[in-house]
Amino acid sequence: MKQAALLLLAIAAGAAAWWWYSSEMPRRERERMAAAEVAAIQAERANALYRWRDDAGALHVTQSPPKGRKYERISRIPADGIEVHGERD
C-alpha cells in the first residue's frame, strides 16, 4: 500500500512538473521575444535622425520625426566602407 501511494505521488509530481514546463516555458519565450523586439526598435530609434522639409522648402534634420509630414529616417552611424555616387558632372 505504501509503494502504491509513493508511485501515485511520483506520478502526480511528474504531471505537475510537465504542466508547469509546458505552460510556463512558452510564456517566457514569448516575453523574451517581445523584449528583444522592443529593444531592437529602441536601438533603431536611438540611432536615427529624421530629415524633412518645411513649407518654405528648408531642410531640417531632427532627433524626432515631424508630425504630419513626410520624412526620411537616416542613420547616425555611417555605413562601413566608401560610398561612391557617379552623379557628378
PDB file of N, CA and C in Angstrom:
ATOM      1  N   MET A   1       0.812  -1.180   0.000  1.00  0.00           N
ATOM      2  CA  MET A   1       0.000   0.000   0.000  1.00  0.00           C
ATOM      3  C   MET A   1       0.869   1.263   0.000  1.00  0.00           C
ATOM      4  N   LYS A   2       1.955   1.235   0.756  1.00  0.00           N
ATOM      5  CA  LYS A   2       2.853   2.384   0.842  1.00  0.00           C
ATOM      6  C   LYS A   2       3.534   2.640  -0.504  1.00  0.00           C
ATOM      7  N   GLN A   3       3.893   1.563  -1.204  1.00  0.00           N
ATOM      8  CA  GLN A   3       4.540   1.714  -2.513  1.00  0.00           C
ATOM      9  C   GLN A   3       3.566   2.300  -3.528  1.00  0.00           C
ATOM     10  N   ALA A   4       2.322   1.923  -3.467  1.00  0.00           N
ATOM     11  CA  ALA A   4       1.312   2.457  -4.380  1.00  0.00           C
ATOM     12  C   ALA A   4       1.110   3.951  -4.135  1.00  0.00           C
ATOM     13  N   ALA A   5       1.124   4.357  -2.878  1.00  0.00           N
ATOM     14  CA  ALA A   5       0.969   5.779  -2.550  1.00  0.00           C
ATOM     15  C   ALA A   5       2.181   6.573  -3.041  1.00  0.00           C
ATOM     16  N   LEU A   6       3.377   6.028  -2.893  1.00  0.00           N
ATOM     17  CA  LEU A   6       4.584   6.705  -3.386  1.00  0.00           C
ATOM     18  C   LEU A   6       4.578   6.783  -4.912  1.00  0.00           C
ATOM     19  N   LEU A   7       4.124   5.720  -5.572  1.00  0.00           N
ATOM     20  CA  LEU A   7       4.037   5.721  -7.034  1.00  0.00           C
ATOM     21  C   LEU A   7       3.024   6.765  -7.490  1.00  0.00           C
ATOM     22  N   LEU A   8       1.883   6.823  -6.824  1.00  0.00           N
ATOM     23  CA  LEU A   8       0.867   7.821  -7.161  1.00  0.00           C
ATOM     24  C   LEU A   8       1.399   9.236  -6.932  1.00  0.00           C
ATOM     25  N   LEU A   9       2.133   9.439  -5.854  1.00  0.00           N
ATOM     26  CA  LEU A   9       2.737  10.745  -5.566  1.00  0.00           C
ATOM     27  C   LEU A   9       3.773  11.117  -6.630  1.00  0.00           C
ATOM     28  N   ALA A  10       4.575  10.158  -7.056  1.00  0.00           N
ATOM     29  CA  ALA A  10       5.572  10.406  -8.093  1.00  0.00           C
ATOM     30  C   ALA A  10       4.905  10.745  -9.419  1.00  0.00           C
ATOM     31  N   ILE A  11       3.827  10.054  -9.749  1.00  0.00           N
ATOM     32  CA  ILE A  11       3.099  10.353 -10.991  1.00  0.00           C
ATOM     33  C   ILE A  11       2.486  11.748 -10.923  1.00  0.00           C
ATOM     34  N   ALA A  12       1.913  12.095  -9.783  1.00  0.00           N
ATOM     35  CA  ALA A  12       1.325  13.424  -9.611  1.00  0.00           C
ATOM     36  C   ALA A  12       2.388  14.515  -9.705  1.00  0.00           C
ATOM     37  N   ALA A  13       3.544  14.270  -9.110  1.00  0.00           N
ATOM     38  CA  ALA A  13       4.643  15.250  -9.177  1.00  0.00           C
ATOM     39  C   ALA A  13       5.133  15.389 -10.615  1.00  0.00           C
ATOM     40  N   GLY A  14       5.239  14.275 -11.321  1.00  0.00           N
ATOM     41  CA  GLY A  14       5.658  14.325 -12.721  1.00  0.00           C
ATOM     42  C   GLY A  14       4.656  15.064 -13.586  1.00  0.00           C
ATOM     43  N   ALA A  15       3.367  14.825 -13.356  1.00  0.00           N
ATOM     44  CA  ALA A  15       2.326  15.528 -14.116  1.00  0.00           C
ATOM     45  C   ALA A  15       2.352  17.024 -13.817  1.00  0.00           C
ATOM     46  N   ALA A  16       2.552  17.382 -12.562  1.00  0.00           N
ATOM     47  CA  ALA A  16       2.622  18.803 -12.200  1.00  0.00           C
ATOM     48  C   ALA A  16       3.836  19.471 -12.840  1.00  0.00           C
ATOM     49  N   ALA A  17       4.966  18.781 -12.841  1.00  0.00           N
ATOM     50  CA  ALA A  17       6.172  19.339 -13.470  1.00  0.00           C
ATOM     51  C   ALA A  17       5.968  19.492 -14.970  1.00  0.00           C
ATOM     52  N   TRP A  18       5.352  18.506 -15.608  1.00  0.00           N
ATOM     53  CA  TRP A  18       5.095  18.593 -17.053  1.00  0.00           C
ATOM     54  C   TRP A  18       4.159  19.755 -17.345  1.00  0.00           C
ATOM     55  N   TRP A  19       3.079  19.905 -16.552  1.00  0.00           N
ATOM     56  CA  TRP A  19       2.146  21.002 -16.762  1.00  0.00           C
ATOM     57  C   TRP A  19       2.841  22.352 -16.613  1.00  0.00           C
ATOM     58  N   TRP A  20       3.662  22.517 -15.580  1.00  0.00           N
ATOM     59  CA  TRP A  20       4.359  23.782 -15.363  1.00  0.00           C
ATOM     60  C   TRP A  20       5.307  24.077 -16.521  1.00  0.00           C
ATOM     61  N   TYR A  21       6.067  23.076 -16.915  1.00  0.00           N
ATOM     62  CA  TYR A  21       7.032  23.270 -18.001  1.00  0.00           C
ATOM     63  C   TYR A  21       6.328  23.624 -19.299  1.00  0.00           C
ATOM     64  N   SER A  22       5.227  22.948 -19.625  1.00  0.00           N
ATOM     65  CA  SER A  22       4.551  23.184 -20.895  1.00  0.00           C
ATOM     66  C   SER A  22       3.782  24.499 -20.909  1.00  0.00           C
ATOM     67  N   SER A  23       3.403  25.026 -19.773  1.00  0.00           N
ATOM     68  CA  SER A  23       2.680  26.297 -19.756  1.00  0.00           C
ATOM     69  C   SER A  23       3.598  27.485 -19.484  1.00  0.00           C
ATOM     70  N   GLU A  24       4.610  27.315 -18.675  1.00  0.00           N
ATOM     71  CA  GLU A  24       5.475  28.427 -18.272  1.00  0.00           C
ATOM     72  C   GLU A  24       6.538  28.743 -19.321  1.00  0.00           C
ATOM     73  N   MET A  25       7.147  27.761 -19.910  1.00  0.00           N
ATOM     74  CA  MET A  25       8.244  27.997 -20.840  1.00  0.00           C
ATOM     75  C   MET A  25       7.809  28.732 -22.111  1.00  0.00           C
ATOM     76  N   PRO A  26       6.702  28.370 -22.755  1.00  0.00           N
ATOM     77  CA  PRO A  26       6.286  29.158 -23.920  1.00  0.00           C
ATOM     78  C   PRO A  26       5.993  30.612 -23.574  1.00  0.00           C
ATOM     79  N   ARG A  27       5.411  30.857 -22.404  1.00  0.00           N
ATOM     80  CA  ARG A  27       5.134  32.238 -21.992  1.00  0.00           C
ATOM     81  C   ARG A  27       6.427  33.017 -21.818  1.00  0.00           C
ATOM     82  N   ARG A  28       7.402  32.412 -21.191  1.00  0.00           N
ATOM     83  CA  ARG A  28       8.693  33.091 -21.001  1.00  0.00           C
ATOM     84  C   ARG A  28       9.377  33.358 -22.334  1.00  0.00           C
ATOM     85  N   GLU A  29       9.274  32.413 -23.253  1.00  0.00           N
ATOM     86  CA  GLU A  29       9.886  32.616 -24.576  1.00  0.00           C
ATOM     87  C   GLU A  29       9.191  33.766 -25.308  1.00  0.00           C
ATOM     88  N   ARG A  30       7.876  33.848 -25.228  1.00  0.00           N
ATOM     89  CA  ARG A  30       7.157  34.971 -25.842  1.00  0.00           C
ATOM     90  C   ARG A  30       7.576  36.292 -25.211  1.00  0.00           C
ATOM     91  N   GLU A  31       7.738  36.317 -23.891  1.00  0.00           N
ATOM     92  CA  GLU A  31       8.175  37.545 -23.213  1.00  0.00           C
ATOM     93  C   GLU A  31       9.580  37.940 -23.649  1.00  0.00           C
ATOM     94  N   ARG A  32      10.471  36.961 -23.782  1.00  0.00           N
ATOM     95  CA  ARG A  32      11.837  37.258 -24.243  1.00  0.00           C
ATOM     96  C   ARG A  32      11.834  37.812 -25.663  1.00  0.00           C
ATOM     97  N   MET A  33      11.023  37.218 -26.537  1.00  0.00           N
ATOM     98  CA  MET A  33      10.963  37.685 -27.920  1.00  0.00           C
ATOM     99  C   MET A  33      10.393  39.096 -27.997  1.00  0.00           C
ATOM    100  N   ALA A  34       9.361  39.377 -27.198  1.00  0.00           N
ATOM    101  CA  ALA A  34       8.773  40.721 -27.184  1.00  0.00           C
ATOM    102  C   ALA A  34       9.772  41.741 -26.652  1.00  0.00           C
ATOM    103  N   ALA A  35      10.500  41.379 -25.608  1.00  0.00           N
ATOM    104  CA  ALA A  35      11.509  42.287 -25.058  1.00  0.00           C
ATOM    105  C   ALA A  35      12.622  42.541 -26.061  1.00  0.00           C
ATOM    106  N   ALA A  36      13.029  41.514 -26.798  1.00  0.00           N
ATOM    107  CA  ALA A  36      14.075  41.688 -27.807  1.00  0.00           C
ATOM    108  C   ALA A  36      13.591  42.577 -28.947  1.00  0.00           C
ATOM    109  N   GLU A  37      12.338  42.437 -29.322  1.00  0.00           N
ATOM    110  CA  GLU A  37      11.777  43.277 -30.383  1.00  0.00           C
ATOM    111  C   GLU A  37      11.713  44.736 -29.945  1.00  0.00           C
ATOM    112  N   VAL A  38      11.287  44.976 -28.718  1.00  0.00           N
ATOM    113  CA  VAL A  38      11.236  46.342 -28.180  1.00  0.00           C
ATOM    114  C   VAL A  38      12.636  46.937 -28.111  1.00  0.00           C
ATOM    115  N   ALA A  39      13.604  46.152 -27.678  1.00  0.00           N
ATOM    116  CA  ALA A  39      14.986  46.633 -27.596  1.00  0.00           C
ATOM    117  C   ALA A  39      15.527  46.970 -28.977  1.00  0.00           C
ATOM    118  N   ALA A  40      15.199  46.174 -29.979  1.00  0.00           N
ATOM    119  CA  ALA A  40      15.661  46.452 -31.347  1.00  0.00           C
ATOM    120  C   ALA A  40      15.046  47.744 -31.882  1.00  0.00           C
ATOM    121  N   ILE A  41      13.767  47.955 -31.599  1.00  0.00           N
ATOM    122  CA  ILE A  41      13.105  49.190 -32.048  1.00  0.00           C
ATOM    123  C   ILE A  41      13.709  50.397 -31.342  1.00  0.00           C
ATOM    124  N   GLN A  42      13.959  50.284 -30.048  1.00  0.00           N
ATOM    125  CA  GLN A  42      14.567  51.399 -29.315  1.00  0.00           C
ATOM    126  C   GLN A  42      15.974  51.691 -29.805  1.00  0.00           C
ATOM    127  N   ALA A  43      16.740  50.656 -30.111  1.00  0.00           N
ATOM    128  CA  ALA A  43      18.094  50.862 -30.619  1.00  0.00           C
ATOM    129  C   ALA A  43      18.060  51.536 -31.985  1.00  0.00           C
ATOM    130  N   GLU A  44      17.109  51.138 -32.823  1.00  0.00           N
ATOM    131  CA  GLU A  44      16.989  51.752 -34.143  1.00  0.00           C
ATOM    132  C   GLU A  44      16.606  53.222 -34.021  1.00  0.00           C
ATOM    133  N   ARG A  45      15.685  53.521 -33.113  1.00  0.00           N
ATOM    134  CA  ARG A  45      15.278  54.918 -32.913  1.00  0.00           C
ATOM    135  C   ARG A  45      16.401  55.751 -32.319  1.00  0.00           C
ATOM    136  N   ALA A  46      17.185  55.173 -31.426  1.00  0.00           N
ATOM    137  CA  ALA A  46      18.295  55.909 -30.817  1.00  0.00           C
ATOM    138  C   ALA A  46      19.367  56.214 -31.843  1.00  0.00           C
ATOM    139  N   ASN A  47      19.473  55.391 -32.870  1.00  0.00           N
ATOM    140  CA  ASN A  47      20.482  55.551 -33.904  1.00  0.00           C
ATOM    141  C   ASN A  47      19.969  56.391 -35.066  1.00  0.00           C
ATOM    142  N   ALA A  48      18.726  56.870 -35.020  1.00  0.00           N
ATOM    143  CA  ALA A  48      18.115  57.515 -36.172  1.00  0.00           C
ATOM    144  C   ALA A  48      18.027  59.023 -36.029  1.00  0.00           C
ATOM    145  N   LEU A  49      18.157  59.680 -37.168  1.00  0.00           N
ATOM    146  CA  LEU A  49      17.834  61.095 -37.319  1.00  0.00           C
ATOM    147  C   LEU A  49      16.766  61.174 -38.400  1.00  0.00           C
ATOM    148  N   TYR A  50      16.025  62.257 -38.411  1.00  0.00           N
ATOM    149  CA  TYR A  50      14.932  62.396 -39.360  1.00  0.00           C
ATOM    150  C   TYR A  50      15.170  63.633 -40.220  1.00  0.00           C
ATOM    151  N   ARG A  51      15.136  63.444 -41.543  1.00  0.00           N
ATOM    152  CA  ARG A  51      15.384  64.531 -42.494  1.00  0.00           C
ATOM    153  C   ARG A  51      14.054  64.857 -43.161  1.00  0.00           C
ATOM    154  N   TRP A  52      13.676  66.154 -43.145  1.00  0.00           N
ATOM    155  CA  TRP A  52      12.415  66.572 -43.729  1.00  0.00           C
ATOM    156  C   TRP A  52      12.487  68.038 -44.134  1.00  0.00           C
ATOM    157  N   ARG A  53      11.544  68.467 -44.929  1.00  0.00           N
ATOM    158  CA  ARG A  53      11.484  69.860 -45.394  1.00  0.00           C
ATOM    159  C   ARG A  53      10.207  70.512 -44.881  1.00  0.00           C
ATOM    160  N   ASP A  54      10.329  71.799 -44.521  1.00  0.00           N
ATOM    161  CA  ASP A  54       9.158  72.537 -44.059  1.00  0.00           C
ATOM    162  C   ASP A  54       8.417  73.145 -45.246  1.00  0.00           C
ATOM    163  N   ASP A  55       7.387  73.962 -44.971  1.00  0.00           N
ATOM    164  CA  ASP A  55       6.566  74.547 -46.039  1.00  0.00           C
ATOM    165  C   ASP A  55       7.367  75.460 -46.951  1.00  0.00           C
ATOM    166  N   ALA A  56       8.414  76.102 -46.425  1.00  0.00           N
ATOM    167  CA  ALA A  56       9.248  77.005 -47.226  1.00  0.00           C
ATOM    168  C   ALA A  56      10.317  76.246 -48.010  1.00  0.00           C
ATOM    169  N   GLY A  57      10.417  74.927 -47.790  1.00  0.00           N
ATOM    170  CA  GLY A  57      11.402  74.133 -48.514  1.00  0.00           C
ATOM    171  C   GLY A  57      12.730  73.997 -47.790  1.00  0.00           C
ATOM    172  N   ALA A  58      12.829  74.537 -46.574  1.00  0.00           N
ATOM    173  CA  ALA A  58      14.086  74.441 -45.824  1.00  0.00           C
ATOM    174  C   ALA A  58      14.259  73.016 -45.301  1.00  0.00           C
ATOM    175  N   LEU A  59      15.475  72.533 -45.393  1.00  0.00           N
ATOM    176  CA  LEU A  59      15.793  71.181 -44.938  1.00  0.00           C
ATOM    177  C   LEU A  59      16.032  71.183 -43.434  1.00  0.00           C
ATOM    178  N   HIS A  60      15.450  70.216 -42.741  1.00  0.00           N
ATOM    179  CA  HIS A  60      15.634  70.050 -41.301  1.00  0.00           C
ATOM    180  C   HIS A  60      16.091  68.639 -41.022  1.00  0.00           C
ATOM    181  N   VAL A  61      16.978  68.499 -40.047  1.00  0.00           N
ATOM    182  CA  VAL A  61      17.391  67.192 -39.544  1.00  0.00           C
ATOM    183  C   VAL A  61      17.182  67.240 -38.042  1.00  0.00           C
ATOM    184  N   THR A  62      16.286  66.366 -37.542  1.00  0.00           N
ATOM    185  CA  THR A  62      15.923  66.388 -36.137  1.00  0.00           C
ATOM    186  C   THR A  62      16.035  64.999 -35.531  1.00  0.00           C
ATOM    187  N   GLN A  63      15.969  64.953 -34.201  1.00  0.00           N
ATOM    188  CA  GLN A  63      16.045  63.677 -33.493  1.00  0.00           C
ATOM    189  C   GLN A  63      14.696  62.983 -33.380  1.00  0.00           C
ATOM    190  N   SER A  64      13.621  63.716 -33.630  1.00  0.00           N
ATOM    191  CA  SER A  64      12.294  63.100 -33.591  1.00  0.00           C
ATOM    192  C   SER A  64      11.587  63.394 -34.914  1.00  0.00           C
ATOM    193  N   PRO A  65      10.741  62.480 -35.354  1.00  0.00           N
ATOM    194  CA  PRO A  65      10.073  62.689 -36.642  1.00  0.00           C
ATOM    195  C   PRO A  65       9.036  63.809 -36.548  1.00  0.00           C
ATOM    196  N   PRO A  66       8.843  64.561 -37.621  1.00  0.00           N
ATOM    197  CA  PRO A  66       7.833  65.617 -37.607  1.00  0.00           C
ATOM    198  C   PRO A  66       6.435  65.009 -37.690  1.00  0.00           C
ATOM    199  N   LYS A  67       5.496  65.702 -37.137  1.00  0.00           N
ATOM    200  CA  LYS A  67       4.106  65.223 -37.186  1.00  0.00           C
ATOM    201  C   LYS A  67       3.431  65.753 -38.447  1.00  0.00           C
ATOM    202  N   GLY A  68       2.797  64.885 -39.182  1.00  0.00           N
ATOM    203  CA  GLY A  68       2.025  65.299 -40.348  1.00  0.00           C
ATOM    204  C   GLY A  68       2.847  65.647 -41.572  1.00  0.00           C
ATOM    205  N   ARG A  69       4.093  65.221 -41.629  1.00  0.00           N
ATOM    206  CA  ARG A  69       4.955  65.498 -42.781  1.00  0.00           C
ATOM    207  C   ARG A  69       5.658  64.236 -43.219  1.00  0.00           C
ATOM    208  N   LYS A  70       6.046  64.223 -44.476  1.00  0.00           N
ATOM    209  CA  LYS A  70       6.894  63.137 -44.947  1.00  0.00           C
ATOM    210  C   LYS A  70       8.299  63.369 -44.413  1.00  0.00           C
ATOM    211  N   TYR A  71       8.960  62.304 -44.060  1.00  0.00           N
ATOM    212  CA  TYR A  71      10.333  62.402 -43.578  1.00  0.00           C
ATOM    213  C   TYR A  71      11.102  61.167 -44.008  1.00  0.00           C
ATOM    214  N   GLU A  72      12.401  61.290 -43.913  1.00  0.00           N
ATOM    215  CA  GLU A  72      13.285  60.168 -44.226  1.00  0.00           C
ATOM    216  C   GLU A  72      14.102  59.861 -42.979  1.00  0.00           C
ATOM    217  N   ARG A  73      14.134  58.603 -42.592  1.00  0.00           N
ATOM    218  CA  ARG A  73      14.935  58.199 -41.434  1.00  0.00           C
ATOM    219  C   ARG A  73      16.346  57.919 -41.931  1.00  0.00           C
ATOM    220  N   ILE A  74      17.323  58.524 -41.280  1.00  0.00           N
ATOM    221  CA  ILE A  74      18.726  58.306 -41.640  1.00  0.00           C
ATOM    222  C   ILE A  74      19.491  57.847 -40.403  1.00  0.00           C
ATOM    223  N   SER A  75      20.524  57.096 -40.628  1.00  0.00           N
ATOM    224  CA  SER A  75      21.307  56.543 -39.528  1.00  0.00           C
ATOM    225  C   SER A  75      22.358  57.543 -39.074  1.00  0.00           C
ATOM    226  N   ARG A  76      22.608  57.574 -37.774  1.00  0.00           N
ATOM    227  CA  ARG A  76      23.680  58.422 -37.241  1.00  0.00           C
ATOM    228  C   ARG A  76      25.046  57.803 -37.484  1.00  0.00           C
ATOM    229  N   ILE A  77      25.076  56.488 -37.607  1.00  0.00           N
ATOM    230  CA  ILE A  77      26.338  55.771 -37.783  1.00  0.00           C
ATOM    231  C   ILE A  77      26.560  55.557 -39.271  1.00  0.00           C
ATOM    232  N   PRO A  78      27.654  56.042 -39.803  1.00  0.00           N
ATOM    233  CA  PRO A  78      27.891  55.856 -41.240  1.00  0.00           C
ATOM    234  C   PRO A  78      28.120  54.393 -41.580  1.00  0.00           C
ATOM    235  N   ALA A  79      27.778  54.038 -42.795  1.00  0.00           N
ATOM    236  CA  ALA A  79      27.993  52.666 -43.265  1.00  0.00           C
ATOM    237  C   ALA A  79      29.492  52.412 -43.422  1.00  0.00           C
ATOM    238  N   ASP A  80      29.875  51.158 -43.237  1.00  0.00           N
ATOM    239  CA  ASP A  80      31.278  50.788 -43.411  1.00  0.00           C
ATOM    240  C   ASP A  80      31.678  50.945 -44.878  1.00  0.00           C
ATOM    241  N   GLY A  81      32.910  51.307 -45.095  1.00  0.00           N
ATOM    242  CA  GLY A  81      33.424  51.419 -46.457  1.00  0.00           C
ATOM    243  C   GLY A  81      33.188  52.795 -47.034  1.00  0.00           C
ATOM    244  N   ILE A  82      33.457  52.924 -48.303  1.00  0.00           N
ATOM    245  CA  ILE A  82      33.321  54.184 -49.008  1.00  0.00           C
ATOM    246  C   ILE A  82      32.148  54.063 -49.978  1.00  0.00           C
ATOM    247  N   GLU A  83      31.282  55.065 -49.971  1.00  0.00           N
ATOM    248  CA  GLU A  83      30.141  55.061 -50.866  1.00  0.00           C
ATOM    249  C   GLU A  83      30.421  56.059 -51.979  1.00  0.00           C
ATOM    250  N   VAL A  84      30.328  55.617 -53.204  1.00  0.00           N
ATOM    251  CA  VAL A  84      30.636  56.469 -54.357  1.00  0.00           C
ATOM    252  C   VAL A  84      29.384  56.603 -55.203  1.00  0.00           C
ATOM    253  N   HIS A  85      29.052  57.847 -55.554  1.00  0.00           N
ATOM    254  CA  HIS A  85      27.937  58.114 -56.453  1.00  0.00           C
ATOM    255  C   HIS A  85      28.507  58.750 -57.714  1.00  0.00           C
ATOM    256  N   GLY A  86      28.159  58.260 -58.870  1.00  0.00           N
ATOM    257  CA  GLY A  86      28.673  58.778 -60.129  1.00  0.00           C
ATOM    258  C   GLY A  86      27.769  59.803 -60.748  1.00  0.00           C
ATOM    259  N   GLU A  87      27.108  60.620 -59.947  1.00  0.00           N
ATOM    260  CA  GLU A  87      26.126  61.592 -60.468  1.00  0.00           C
ATOM    261  C   GLU A  87      26.748  62.960 -60.752  1.00  0.00           C
ATOM    262  N   ARG A  88      28.028  63.133 -60.512  1.00  0.00           N
ATOM    263  CA  ARG A  88      28.671  64.440 -60.734  1.00  0.00           C
ATOM    264  C   ARG A  88      28.971  64.662 -62.209  1.00  0.00           C
ATOM    265  N   ASP A  89      28.936  65.900 -62.583  1.00  0.00           N
ATOM    266  CA  ASP A  89      29.300  66.259 -63.976  1.00  0.00           C
ATOM    267  C   ASP A  89      30.745  66.598 -64.081  1.00  0.00           C
TER     268      ASP A  89
END
